[in-house]
PDB file of all heavy atoms in Angstrom:
ATOM      1  N   ARG A   1      -3.168 -41.857  87.356  1.00  0.00           N
ATOM      2  CA  ARG A   1      -4.177 -41.537  88.256  1.00  0.00           C
ATOM      3  C   ARG A   1      -4.925 -40.264  87.905  1.00  0.00           C
ATOM      4  O   ARG A   1      -6.141 -40.168  87.916  1.00  0.00           O
ATOM      5  CB  ARG A   1      -3.702 -41.286  89.710  1.00  0.00           C
ATOM      6  CG  ARG A   1      -3.302 -42.608  90.416  1.00  0.00           C
ATOM      7  CD  ARG A   1      -3.126 -42.445  91.960  1.00  0.00           C
ATOM      8  NE  ARG A   1      -2.406 -41.366  92.276  1.00  0.00           N
ATOM      9  CZ  ARG A   1      -1.047 -41.243  92.365  1.00  0.00           C
ATOM     10  NH1 ARG A   1      -0.436 -42.415  92.112  1.00  0.00           N
ATOM     11  NH2 ARG A   1      -0.327 -40.223  92.855  1.00  0.00           N
ATOM     12  N   ILE A   2      -4.243 -39.232  87.397  1.00  0.00           N
ATOM     13  CA  ILE A   2      -4.965 -37.916  87.159  1.00  0.00           C
ATOM     14  C   ILE A   2      -4.774 -37.375  85.708  1.00  0.00           C
ATOM     15  O   ILE A   2      -5.338 -36.371  85.384  1.00  0.00           O
ATOM     16  CB  ILE A   2      -4.423 -36.838  88.140  1.00  0.00           C
ATOM     17  CG1 ILE A   2      -2.965 -36.579  87.710  1.00  0.00           C
ATOM     18  CG2 ILE A   2      -4.715 -37.260  89.494  1.00  0.00           C
ATOM     19  CD1 ILE A   2      -2.594 -35.165  88.234  1.00  0.00           C
ATOM     20  N   GLY A   3      -4.032 -38.024  84.821  1.00  0.00           N
ATOM     21  CA  GLY A   3      -3.872 -37.486  83.446  1.00  0.00           C
ATOM     22  C   GLY A   3      -2.543 -36.637  83.409  1.00  0.00           C
ATOM     23  O   GLY A   3      -1.907 -36.391  84.485  1.00  0.00           O
ATOM     24  N   PRO A   4      -2.291 -36.172  82.226  1.00  0.00           N
ATOM     25  CA  PRO A   4      -1.034 -35.402  82.140  1.00  0.00           C
ATOM     26  C   PRO A   4      -1.125 -33.939  82.563  1.00  0.00           C
ATOM     27  O   PRO A   4      -2.127 -33.384  82.649  1.00  0.00           O
ATOM     28  CB  PRO A   4      -0.882 -35.355  80.538  1.00  0.00           C
ATOM     29  CG  PRO A   4      -2.298 -35.469  80.105  1.00  0.00           C
ATOM     30  CD  PRO A   4      -3.030 -36.288  81.043  1.00  0.00           C
ATOM     31  N   PRO A   5       0.104 -33.314  82.743  1.00  0.00           N
ATOM     32  CA  PRO A   5       0.244 -32.017  83.360  1.00  0.00           C
ATOM     33  C   PRO A   5       0.226 -31.074  81.940  1.00  0.00           C
ATOM     34  O   PRO A   5       0.232 -31.644  80.831  1.00  0.00           O
ATOM     35  CB  PRO A   5       1.486 -31.931  83.787  1.00  0.00           C
ATOM     36  CG  PRO A   5       2.370 -32.805  82.985  1.00  0.00           C
ATOM     37  CD  PRO A   5       1.339 -34.026  82.916  1.00  0.00           C
ATOM     38  N   ARG A   6       0.176 -29.733  82.090  1.00  0.00           N
ATOM     39  CA  ARG A   6       0.203 -28.978  80.932  1.00  0.00           C
ATOM     40  C   ARG A   6       1.573 -28.906  80.323  1.00  0.00           C
ATOM     41  O   ARG A   6       1.713 -28.494  79.182  1.00  0.00           O
ATOM     42  CB  ARG A   6      -0.276 -27.467  81.390  1.00  0.00           C
ATOM     43  CG  ARG A   6      -1.846 -27.441  81.731  1.00  0.00           C
ATOM     44  CD  ARG A   6      -2.276 -26.194  82.440  1.00  0.00           C
ATOM     45  NE  ARG A   6      -1.766 -24.969  81.862  1.00  0.00           N
ATOM     46  CZ  ARG A   6      -1.838 -23.808  82.442  1.00  0.00           C
ATOM     47  NH1 ARG A   6      -2.412 -23.667  83.577  1.00  0.00           N
ATOM     48  NH2 ARG A   6      -1.350 -22.709  81.815  1.00  0.00           N
ATOM     49  N   ALA A   7       2.543 -29.128  81.272  1.00  0.00           N
ATOM     50  CA  ALA A   7       3.941 -29.185  80.743  1.00  0.00           C
ATOM     51  C   ALA A   7       4.814 -29.905  81.662  1.00  0.00           C
ATOM     52  O   ALA A   7       4.416 -30.115  82.781  1.00  0.00           O
ATOM     53  CB  ALA A   7       4.500 -27.593  80.616  1.00  0.00           C
ATOM     54  N   ALA A   8       6.017 -30.348  81.330  1.00  0.00           N
ATOM     55  CA  ALA A   8       6.825 -31.037  82.076  1.00  0.00           C
ATOM     56  C   ALA A   8       8.466 -30.687  81.669  1.00  0.00           C
ATOM     57  O   ALA A   8       8.697 -30.379  80.478  1.00  0.00           O
ATOM     58  CB  ALA A   8       6.766 -32.522  81.908  1.00  0.00           C
ATOM     59  N   ALA A   9       9.160 -30.659  82.820  1.00  0.00           N
ATOM     60  CA  ALA A   9      10.621 -30.534  82.573  1.00  0.00           C
ATOM     61  C   ALA A   9      11.309 -31.919  83.169  1.00  0.00           C
ATOM     62  O   ALA A   9      11.129 -32.205  84.307  1.00  0.00           O
ATOM     63  CB  ALA A   9      11.203 -29.388  83.407  1.00  0.00           C
ATOM     64  N   ILE A  10      11.811 -32.606  82.248  1.00  0.00           N
ATOM     65  CA  ILE A  10      12.396 -33.963  82.492  1.00  0.00           C
ATOM     66  C   ILE A  10      13.819 -34.038  82.358  1.00  0.00           C
ATOM     67  O   ILE A  10      14.460 -33.559  81.484  1.00  0.00           O
ATOM     68  CB  ILE A  10      11.800 -34.845  81.423  1.00  0.00           C
ATOM     69  CG1 ILE A  10      10.191 -34.825  81.263  1.00  0.00           C
ATOM     70  CG2 ILE A  10      12.214 -36.302  81.655  1.00  0.00           C
ATOM     71  CD1 ILE A  10       9.494 -35.342  82.571  1.00  0.00           C
ATOM     72  N   ASP A  11      14.467 -34.423  83.579  1.00  0.00           N
ATOM     73  CA  ASP A  11      15.988 -34.641  83.499  1.00  0.00           C
ATOM     74  C   ASP A  11      16.243 -35.892  82.760  1.00  0.00           C
ATOM     75  O   ASP A  11      15.677 -37.044  83.026  1.00  0.00           O
ATOM     76  CB  ASP A  11      16.433 -34.821  85.033  1.00  0.00           C
ATOM     77  CG  ASP A  11      17.866 -35.230  85.095  1.00  0.00           C
ATOM     78  OD1 ASP A  11      18.743 -34.379  84.647  1.00  0.00           O
ATOM     79  OD2 ASP A  11      18.248 -36.172  85.522  1.00  0.00           O
ATOM     80  N   ALA A  12      17.026 -35.747  81.756  1.00  0.00           N
ATOM     81  CA  ALA A  12      17.443 -36.804  80.828  1.00  0.00           C
ATOM     82  C   ALA A  12      17.947 -38.049  81.543  1.00  0.00           C
ATOM     83  O   ALA A  12      17.678 -39.174  81.241  1.00  0.00           O
ATOM     84  CB  ALA A  12      18.386 -36.349  79.646  1.00  0.00           C
ATOM     85  N   TRP A  13      18.807 -37.775  82.491  1.00  0.00           N
ATOM     86  CA  TRP A  13      19.583 -38.910  83.323  1.00  0.00           C
ATOM     87  C   TRP A  13      18.515 -39.642  84.069  1.00  0.00           C
ATOM     88  O   TRP A  13      18.470 -40.806  83.973  1.00  0.00           O
ATOM     89  CB  TRP A  13      20.645 -38.280  84.085  1.00  0.00           C
ATOM     90  CG  TRP A  13      21.303 -39.322  84.960  1.00  0.00           C
ATOM     91  CD1 TRP A  13      21.176 -39.700  86.176  1.00  0.00           C
ATOM     92  CD2 TRP A  13      22.350 -40.334  84.417  1.00  0.00           C
ATOM     93  NE1 TRP A  13      21.969 -40.572  86.508  1.00  0.00           N
ATOM     94  CE2 TRP A  13      22.833 -41.065  85.536  1.00  0.00           C
ATOM     95  CE3 TRP A  13      23.011 -40.393  83.177  1.00  0.00           C
ATOM     96  CZ2 TRP A  13      23.695 -42.049  85.355  1.00  0.00           C
ATOM     97  CZ3 TRP A  13      24.006 -41.352  82.982  1.00  0.00           C
ATOM     98  CH2 TRP A  13      24.305 -42.133  84.092  1.00  0.00           C
ATOM     99  N   THR A  14      17.728 -38.944  84.689  1.00  0.00           N
ATOM    100  CA  THR A  14      16.627 -39.578  85.559  1.00  0.00           C
ATOM    101  C   THR A  14      15.682 -40.385  84.905  1.00  0.00           C
ATOM    102  O   THR A  14      15.364 -41.449  85.143  1.00  0.00           O
ATOM    103  CB  THR A  14      15.880 -38.521  86.311  1.00  0.00           C
ATOM    104  OG1 THR A  14      16.813 -37.682  87.178  1.00  0.00           O
ATOM    105  CG2 THR A  14      14.894 -39.151  87.356  1.00  0.00           C
ATOM    106  N   ALA A  15      15.287 -39.953  83.616  1.00  0.00           N
ATOM    107  CA  ALA A  15      14.357 -40.620  82.591  1.00  0.00           C
ATOM    108  C   ALA A  15      14.889 -41.722  81.858  1.00  0.00           C
ATOM    109  O   ALA A  15      14.157 -42.445  81.229  1.00  0.00           O
ATOM    110  CB  ALA A  15      13.728 -39.530  81.732  1.00  0.00           C
ATOM    111  N   GLN A  16      16.204 -41.861  81.849  1.00  0.00           N
ATOM    112  CA  GLN A  16      16.907 -42.894  80.935  1.00  0.00           C
ATOM    113  C   GLN A  16      16.188 -44.189  81.145  1.00  0.00           C
ATOM    114  O   GLN A  16      16.086 -44.880  82.186  1.00  0.00           O
ATOM    115  CB  GLN A  16      18.394 -42.956  81.422  1.00  0.00           C
ATOM    116  CG  GLN A  16      19.304 -43.500  80.347  1.00  0.00           C
ATOM    117  CD  GLN A  16      20.756 -43.304  80.591  1.00  0.00           C
ATOM    118  OE1 GLN A  16      21.138 -42.945  81.657  1.00  0.00           O
ATOM    119  NE2 GLN A  16      21.513 -43.485  79.688  1.00  0.00           N
ATOM    120  N   GLY A  17      15.838 -44.721  79.898  1.00  0.00           N
ATOM    121  CA  GLY A  17      15.172 -46.097  79.859  1.00  0.00           C
ATOM    122  C   GLY A  17      13.662 -45.972  79.831  1.00  0.00           C
ATOM    123  O   GLY A  17      12.944 -46.950  79.655  1.00  0.00           O
ATOM    124  N   SER A  18      13.144 -44.790  80.312  1.00  0.00           N
ATOM    125  CA  SER A  18      11.634 -44.574  80.362  1.00  0.00           C
ATOM    126  C   SER A  18      11.045 -43.546  79.441  1.00  0.00           C
ATOM    127  O   SER A  18       9.955 -43.071  79.615  1.00  0.00           O
ATOM    128  CB  SER A  18      11.258 -44.118  81.835  1.00  0.00           C
ATOM    129  OG  SER A  18      11.617 -45.203  82.804  1.00  0.00           O
ATOM    130  N   GLU A  19      11.940 -43.153  78.540  1.00  0.00           N
ATOM    131  CA  GLU A  19      11.598 -42.029  77.554  1.00  0.00           C
ATOM    132  C   GLU A  19      10.167 -42.255  76.840  1.00  0.00           C
ATOM    133  O   GLU A  19       9.357 -41.465  76.927  1.00  0.00           O
ATOM    134  CB  GLU A  19      12.679 -41.742  76.618  1.00  0.00           C
ATOM    135  CG  GLU A  19      14.016 -41.294  77.096  1.00  0.00           C
ATOM    136  CD  GLU A  19      14.954 -42.456  77.437  1.00  0.00           C
ATOM    137  OE1 GLU A  19      14.455 -43.588  77.545  1.00  0.00           O
ATOM    138  OE2 GLU A  19      16.098 -42.085  77.748  1.00  0.00           O
ATOM    139  N   ARG A  20      10.034 -43.460  76.319  1.00  0.00           N
ATOM    140  CA  ARG A  20       8.925 -43.788  75.636  1.00  0.00           C
ATOM    141  C   ARG A  20       7.639 -43.650  76.522  1.00  0.00           C
ATOM    142  O   ARG A  20       6.538 -43.121  76.078  1.00  0.00           O
ATOM    143  CB  ARG A  20       9.024 -45.096  74.899  1.00  0.00           C
ATOM    144  CG  ARG A  20       7.928 -45.442  73.817  1.00  0.00           C
ATOM    145  CD  ARG A  20       8.301 -46.620  73.057  1.00  0.00           C
ATOM    146  NE  ARG A  20       9.345 -46.516  72.263  1.00  0.00           N
ATOM    147  CZ  ARG A  20       9.466 -45.700  71.164  1.00  0.00           C
ATOM    148  NH1 ARG A  20       8.465 -45.130  70.637  1.00  0.00           N
ATOM    149  NH2 ARG A  20      10.605 -45.765  70.475  1.00  0.00           N
ATOM    150  N   GLU A  21       7.757 -44.221  77.570  1.00  0.00           N
ATOM    151  CA  GLU A  21       6.584 -44.254  78.626  1.00  0.00           C
ATOM    152  C   GLU A  21       6.287 -42.874  78.991  1.00  0.00           C
ATOM    153  O   GLU A  21       5.002 -42.539  79.070  1.00  0.00           O
ATOM    154  CB  GLU A  21       6.836 -45.164  79.690  1.00  0.00           C
ATOM    155  CG  GLU A  21       6.960 -46.631  79.427  1.00  0.00           C
ATOM    156  CD  GLU A  21       8.377 -47.085  78.960  1.00  0.00           C
ATOM    157  OE1 GLU A  21       9.172 -46.294  78.877  1.00  0.00           O
ATOM    158  OE2 GLU A  21       8.457 -48.331  78.574  1.00  0.00           O
ATOM    159  N   ILE A  22       7.215 -42.122  79.231  1.00  0.00           N
ATOM    160  CA  ILE A  22       6.930 -40.746  79.713  1.00  0.00           C
ATOM    161  C   ILE A  22       6.310 -39.904  78.598  1.00  0.00           C
ATOM    162  O   ILE A  22       5.339 -39.204  78.837  1.00  0.00           O
ATOM    163  CB  ILE A  22       8.281 -40.132  80.128  1.00  0.00           C
ATOM    164  CG1 ILE A  22       8.777 -40.609  81.585  1.00  0.00           C
ATOM    165  CG2 ILE A  22       8.052 -38.608  80.349  1.00  0.00           C
ATOM    166  CD1 ILE A  22      10.143 -40.230  81.908  1.00  0.00           C
ATOM    167  N   ARG A  23       6.796 -40.101  77.377  1.00  0.00           N
ATOM    168  CA  ARG A  23       6.242 -39.400  76.219  1.00  0.00           C
ATOM    169  C   ARG A  23       4.808 -39.768  76.052  1.00  0.00           C
ATOM    170  O   ARG A  23       4.004 -38.964  75.666  1.00  0.00           O
ATOM    171  CB  ARG A  23       7.081 -39.673  74.900  1.00  0.00           C
ATOM    172  CG  ARG A  23       6.552 -38.843  73.803  1.00  0.00           C
ATOM    173  CD  ARG A  23       6.480 -37.310  74.123  1.00  0.00           C
ATOM    174  NE  ARG A  23       6.373 -36.595  72.853  1.00  0.00           N
ATOM    175  CZ  ARG A  23       6.000 -35.312  72.902  1.00  0.00           C
ATOM    176  NH1 ARG A  23       5.899 -34.608  74.026  1.00  0.00           N
ATOM    177  NH2 ARG A  23       5.960 -34.790  71.820  1.00  0.00           N
ATOM    178  N   GLY A  24       4.492 -41.132  76.244  1.00  0.00           N
ATOM    179  CA  GLY A  24       3.107 -41.579  76.090  1.00  0.00           C
ATOM    180  C   GLY A  24       2.177 -40.998  77.076  1.00  0.00           C
ATOM    181  O   GLY A  24       1.076 -40.750  76.851  1.00  0.00           O
ATOM    182  N   ALA A  25       2.664 -40.727  78.300  1.00  0.00           N
ATOM    183  CA  ALA A  25       1.925 -40.163  79.372  1.00  0.00           C
ATOM    184  C   ALA A  25       1.811 -38.747  79.375  1.00  0.00           C
ATOM    185  O   ALA A  25       0.964 -38.061  79.733  1.00  0.00           O
ATOM    186  CB  ALA A  25       2.592 -40.608  80.675  1.00  0.00           C
ATOM    187  N   ILE A  26       2.722 -38.068  78.700  1.00  0.00           N
ATOM    188  CA  ILE A  26       2.798 -36.453  78.488  1.00  0.00           C
ATOM    189  C   ILE A  26       2.905 -36.266  76.938  1.00  0.00           C
ATOM    190  O   ILE A  26       4.022 -36.103  76.573  1.00  0.00           O
ATOM    191  CB  ILE A  26       3.917 -35.949  79.347  1.00  0.00           C
ATOM    192  CG1 ILE A  26       3.845 -36.388  80.778  1.00  0.00           C
ATOM    193  CG2 ILE A  26       3.943 -34.379  79.247  1.00  0.00           C
ATOM    194  CD1 ILE A  26       5.055 -35.927  81.565  1.00  0.00           C
ATOM    195  N   PRO A  27       1.820 -36.133  76.408  1.00  0.00           N
ATOM    196  CA  PRO A  27       1.909 -36.009  74.799  1.00  0.00           C
ATOM    197  C   PRO A  27       2.267 -34.772  74.315  1.00  0.00           C
ATOM    198  O   PRO A  27       2.436 -34.512  73.212  1.00  0.00           O
ATOM    199  CB  PRO A  27       0.357 -36.522  74.410  1.00  0.00           C
ATOM    200  CG  PRO A  27      -0.410 -36.079  75.498  1.00  0.00           C
ATOM    201  CD  PRO A  27       0.451 -36.322  76.789  1.00  0.00           C
ATOM    202  N   TRP A  28       2.446 -33.699  75.209  1.00  0.00           N
ATOM    203  CA  TRP A  28       2.884 -32.356  74.730  1.00  0.00           C
ATOM    204  C   TRP A  28       3.743 -31.699  75.652  1.00  0.00           C
ATOM    205  O   TRP A  28       4.017 -32.157  76.785  1.00  0.00           O
ATOM    206  CB  TRP A  28       1.506 -31.461  74.651  1.00  0.00           C
ATOM    207  CG  TRP A  28       0.766 -31.564  75.803  1.00  0.00           C
ATOM    208  CD1 TRP A  28       1.017 -30.888  76.971  1.00  0.00           C
ATOM    209  CD2 TRP A  28      -0.508 -32.246  76.065  1.00  0.00           C
ATOM    210  NE1 TRP A  28       0.141 -31.116  77.888  1.00  0.00           N
ATOM    211  CE2 TRP A  28      -0.764 -31.965  77.482  1.00  0.00           C
ATOM    212  CE3 TRP A  28      -1.226 -33.004  75.233  1.00  0.00           C
ATOM    213  CZ2 TRP A  28      -2.075 -32.636  77.884  1.00  0.00           C
ATOM    214  CZ3 TRP A  28      -2.325 -33.678  75.805  1.00  0.00           C
ATOM    215  CH2 TRP A  28      -2.686 -33.382  77.177  1.00  0.00           C
ATOM    216  N   ARG A  29       4.399 -30.613  75.234  1.00  0.00           N
ATOM    217  CA  ARG A  29       5.340 -29.639  75.940  1.00  0.00           C
ATOM    218  C   ARG A  29       6.170 -30.222  76.998  1.00  0.00           C
ATOM    219  O   ARG A  29       6.009 -29.932  78.159  1.00  0.00           O
ATOM    220  CB  ARG A  29       4.295 -28.615  76.612  1.00  0.00           C
ATOM    221  CG  ARG A  29       5.018 -27.352  76.712  1.00  0.00           C
ATOM    222  CD  ARG A  29       4.134 -26.085  76.728  1.00  0.00           C
ATOM    223  NE  ARG A  29       4.729 -24.935  76.631  1.00  0.00           N
ATOM    224  CZ  ARG A  29       4.945 -24.164  75.588  1.00  0.00           C
ATOM    225  NH1 ARG A  29       4.439 -24.489  74.479  1.00  0.00           N
ATOM    226  NH2 ARG A  29       5.511 -22.977  75.616  1.00  0.00           N
ATOM    227  N   ILE A  30       7.025 -31.192  76.519  1.00  0.00           N
ATOM    228  CA  ILE A  30       8.142 -31.639  77.420  1.00  0.00           C
ATOM    229  C   ILE A  30       9.382 -30.925  77.099  1.00  0.00           C
ATOM    230  O   ILE A  30       9.787 -30.714  75.912  1.00  0.00           O
ATOM    231  CB  ILE A  30       8.301 -33.137  77.088  1.00  0.00           C
ATOM    232  CG1 ILE A  30       7.189 -33.964  77.624  1.00  0.00           C
ATOM    233  CG2 ILE A  30       9.653 -33.546  77.753  1.00  0.00           C
ATOM    234  CD1 ILE A  30       7.270 -35.439  77.300  1.00  0.00           C
ATOM    235  N   THR A  31      10.020 -30.417  77.990  1.00  0.00           N
ATOM    236  CA  THR A  31      11.473 -29.940  77.928  1.00  0.00           C
ATOM    237  C   THR A  31      12.381 -30.847  78.659  1.00  0.00           C
ATOM    238  O   THR A  31      12.146 -31.222  79.769  1.00  0.00           O
ATOM    239  CB  THR A  31      11.519 -28.495  78.627  1.00  0.00           C
ATOM    240  OG1 THR A  31      10.641 -27.576  77.902  1.00  0.00           O
ATOM    241  CG2 THR A  31      12.938 -27.878  78.554  1.00  0.00           C
TER     242      THR A  31
END
């Protein structure tokens, strides 16, 4: 809906199985 944030903190367990989609949506500054 709005585009990516300036940065993101991603819990690995919560993101499990969606890593590629999250990286595609947030192309920079992921912790």
